[in-house]
Amino acid sequence: MPQRVSAPGATMGGPTRRHCLLGLSAGLLLPLGAWADDDDEGFRIGGRPGRGWRKLAETQARRAVDRDEIRVRADRAYSAIRLRVFNAPVEMLNLRIRFRNGETREIEVRQFIERGGATRIIDLPGERRFIDSIIFWYKTPLGAKERATVQVWARG
């Protein structure tokens, strides 16, 4: 009968080859799972926002420090917004949100958004609000070859 030889360091009750392979597999798969769902609000890189988010408007950013106003004809009230950027990066400076009741809210964003990225979730004050327009100030990098597309998304 052939003699069974154990691996060095593998003692009774110690780690076996199978345990090492399972640990290695888990270590390799964990980062993949984290990458696949790295945004709990559905704004995955290259993906579409999840349920509850609705695209309100879209504009093409100019190449410079600039100000754009987006008119929103919202048919319902929202509790939060988020901006997504495509085609080129943008440094989002500030926002001014004008609500249907005439109130405005100034929000300092100060966030550099890579192509395919999004701002943080910006909660709207009080109860859900009807948005009339959003004015935003931004800078685009001087070397950008394309104009950035900026989308406004809102959550009910």
Protein backbone atom coordinates (compact mmCIF):
# COMPACT_ATOMS: atom_id res chain seq x y z
CA MET A 1 0.00 0.00 0.00
CA PRO A 2 1.45 3.42 -0.96
CA GLN A 3 2.40 5.68 1.88
CA ARG A 4 0.41 8.91 2.17
CA VAL A 5 2.58 12.02 2.42
CA SER A 6 1.12 15.24 3.76
CA ALA A 7 2.09 18.68 2.59
CA PRO A 8 4.61 20.57 4.70
CA GLY A 9 2.88 22.48 7.49
CA ALA A 10 -0.37 20.55 7.06
CA THR A 11 -1.00 18.82 10.32
CA MET A 12 -4.05 17.19 11.73
CA GLY A 13 -6.63 19.97 12.09
CA GLY A 14 -4.38 22.49 10.27
CA PRO A 15 -4.92 24.14 6.90
CA THR A 16 -5.19 21.81 3.95
CA ARG A 17 -4.76 22.50 0.26
CA ARG A 18 -8.54 22.70 -0.09
CA HIS A 19 -8.75 25.36 2.65
CA CYS A 20 -6.01 27.39 0.98
CA LEU A 21 -7.76 27.26 -2.40
CA LEU A 22 -11.09 28.31 -0.86
CA GLY A 23 -9.42 31.24 0.89
CA LEU A 24 -7.65 32.30 -2.28
CA SER A 25 -10.89 32.07 -4.31
CA ALA A 26 -12.79 34.15 -1.78
CA GLY A 27 -10.02 36.76 -1.76
CA LEU A 28 -10.15 37.05 -5.55
CA LEU A 29 -13.94 37.13 -5.85
CA LEU A 30 -14.61 39.63 -3.06
CA PRO A 31 -13.18 42.63 -4.94
CA LEU A 32 -15.15 41.64 -8.07
CA GLY A 33 -18.39 41.63 -6.10
CA ALA A 34 -17.60 45.00 -4.57
CA TRP A 35 -16.82 46.46 -8.00
CA ALA A 36 -20.03 45.15 -9.55
CA ASP A 37 -22.19 46.97 -7.00
CA ASP A 38 -20.08 49.92 -5.91
CA ASP A 39 -22.96 52.37 -5.81
CA ASP A 40 -25.94 51.51 -3.64
CA GLU A 41 -28.18 54.01 -5.46
CA GLY A 42 -27.86 52.36 -8.85
CA PHE A 43 -25.37 54.80 -10.42
CA ARG A 44 -22.92 52.09 -11.41
CA ILE A 45 -20.08 53.04 -13.71
CA GLY A 46 -21.42 52.60 -17.20
CA GLY A 47 -24.82 51.51 -15.93
CA ARG A 48 -28.21 53.08 -15.47
CA PRO A 49 -29.57 54.35 -12.18
CA GLY A 50 -31.88 51.97 -10.37
CA ARG A 51 -35.54 52.16 -9.52
CA GLY A 52 -36.78 55.41 -8.09
CA TRP A 53 -34.46 57.58 -10.21
CA ARG A 54 -35.75 59.47 -13.25
CA LYS A 55 -33.81 61.51 -15.82
CA LEU A 56 -35.16 65.07 -15.83
CA ALA A 57 -32.90 66.86 -18.30
CA GLU A 58 -29.64 66.81 -20.24
CA THR A 59 -27.31 69.48 -21.63
CA GLN A 60 -23.95 69.80 -23.39
CA ALA A 61 -21.33 71.59 -21.30
CA ARG A 62 -19.27 74.26 -23.01
CA ARG A 63 -15.47 74.32 -22.80
CA ALA A 64 -14.63 76.90 -20.14
CA VAL A 65 -15.85 78.13 -16.79
CA ASP A 66 -19.49 78.47 -17.51
CA ARG A 67 -23.03 78.64 -16.24
CA ASP A 68 -25.91 76.65 -17.67
CA GLU A 69 -29.58 76.63 -16.80
CA ILE A 70 -31.74 73.59 -17.29
CA ARG A 71 -35.50 74.02 -17.28
CA VAL A 72 -37.26 71.12 -15.61
CA ARG A 73 -40.91 70.55 -16.32
CA ALA A 74 -41.38 68.12 -13.47
CA ASP A 75 -44.77 66.51 -13.20
CA ARG A 76 -44.05 65.23 -9.70
CA ALA A 77 -42.12 66.11 -6.56
CA TYR A 78 -38.61 64.88 -5.78
CA SER A 79 -36.53 64.38 -2.65
CA ALA A 80 -32.99 64.26 -4.13
CA ILE A 81 -31.02 64.93 -7.31
CA ARG A 82 -27.79 63.70 -8.79
CA LEU A 83 -25.81 64.81 -11.86
CA ARG A 84 -24.14 62.35 -14.24
CA VAL A 85 -21.37 63.26 -16.68
CA PHE A 86 -20.51 61.58 -19.99
CA ASN A 87 -17.96 62.07 -22.81
CA ALA A 88 -15.56 64.35 -20.88
CA PRO A 89 -14.79 65.25 -17.26
CA VAL A 90 -16.29 68.32 -15.56
CA GLU A 91 -15.53 70.14 -12.33
CA MET A 92 -18.95 70.95 -10.89
CA LEU A 93 -18.72 74.09 -8.72
CA ASN A 94 -22.18 75.16 -7.52
CA LEU A 95 -25.88 74.59 -8.12
CA ARG A 96 -28.91 76.78 -7.67
CA ILE A 97 -32.18 74.88 -7.62
CA ARG A 98 -35.35 76.89 -8.16
CA PHE A 99 -38.53 75.24 -6.94
CA ARG A 100 -42.01 75.71 -8.36
CA ASN A 101 -43.10 77.71 -5.27
CA GLY A 102 -40.38 80.33 -6.02
CA GLU A 103 -37.90 79.26 -3.34
CA THR A 104 -34.27 78.65 -4.30
CA ARG A 105 -31.55 76.53 -2.77
CA GLU A 106 -27.80 77.21 -3.29
CA ILE A 107 -25.64 74.09 -3.09
CA GLU A 108 -21.85 74.06 -3.12
CA VAL A 109 -20.78 70.93 -5.00
CA ARG A 110 -17.02 71.42 -5.57
CA GLN A 111 -16.54 68.00 -7.12
CA PHE A 112 -14.41 66.86 -10.08
CA ILE A 113 -16.48 64.32 -11.98
CA GLU A 114 -14.70 61.92 -14.33
CA ARG A 115 -16.27 60.88 -17.60
CA GLY A 116 -18.95 58.31 -16.69
CA GLY A 117 -19.14 59.52 -13.07
CA ALA A 118 -21.76 61.25 -10.95
CA THR A 119 -22.05 63.72 -8.10
CA ARG A 120 -22.97 62.63 -4.63
CA ILE A 121 -26.68 62.42 -3.87
CA ILE A 122 -27.96 65.92 -3.12
CA ASP A 123 -30.94 65.82 -0.78
CA LEU A 124 -33.56 68.50 -1.28
CA PRO A 125 -34.73 70.38 1.82
CA GLY A 126 -38.02 69.59 3.54
CA GLU A 127 -40.65 67.38 2.00
CA ARG A 128 -40.49 66.31 -1.62
CA ARG A 129 -40.21 69.35 -3.90
CA PHE A 130 -41.27 70.30 -7.43
CA ILE A 131 -38.20 71.48 -9.35
CA ASP A 132 -38.62 74.34 -11.83
CA SER A 133 -35.00 74.86 -12.94
CA ILE A 134 -31.40 74.12 -12.05
CA ILE A 135 -28.54 76.52 -12.69
CA PHE A 136 -25.08 75.06 -12.43
CA TRP A 137 -21.59 76.49 -12.62
CA TYR A 138 -18.78 74.27 -13.86
CA LYS A 139 -15.30 74.15 -15.39
CA THR A 140 -14.18 71.80 -18.12
CA PRO A 141 -10.50 70.85 -18.50
CA LEU A 142 -8.65 72.86 -21.16
CA GLY A 143 -7.42 69.75 -22.97
CA ALA A 144 -10.82 68.07 -23.22
CA LYS A 145 -11.39 66.86 -26.79
CA GLU A 146 -15.14 66.39 -26.42
CA ARG A 147 -17.91 68.37 -24.77
CA ALA A 148 -19.30 66.80 -21.63
CA THR A 149 -22.92 65.74 -21.48
CA VAL A 150 -24.47 66.54 -18.10
CA GLN A 151 -27.64 64.73 -17.06
CA VAL A 152 -29.89 65.65 -14.13
CA TRP A 153 -31.49 62.69 -12.34
CA ALA A 154 -34.04 62.95 -9.52
CA ARG A 155 -35.43 60.54 -6.93
CA GLY A 156 -39.06 60.72 -5.88
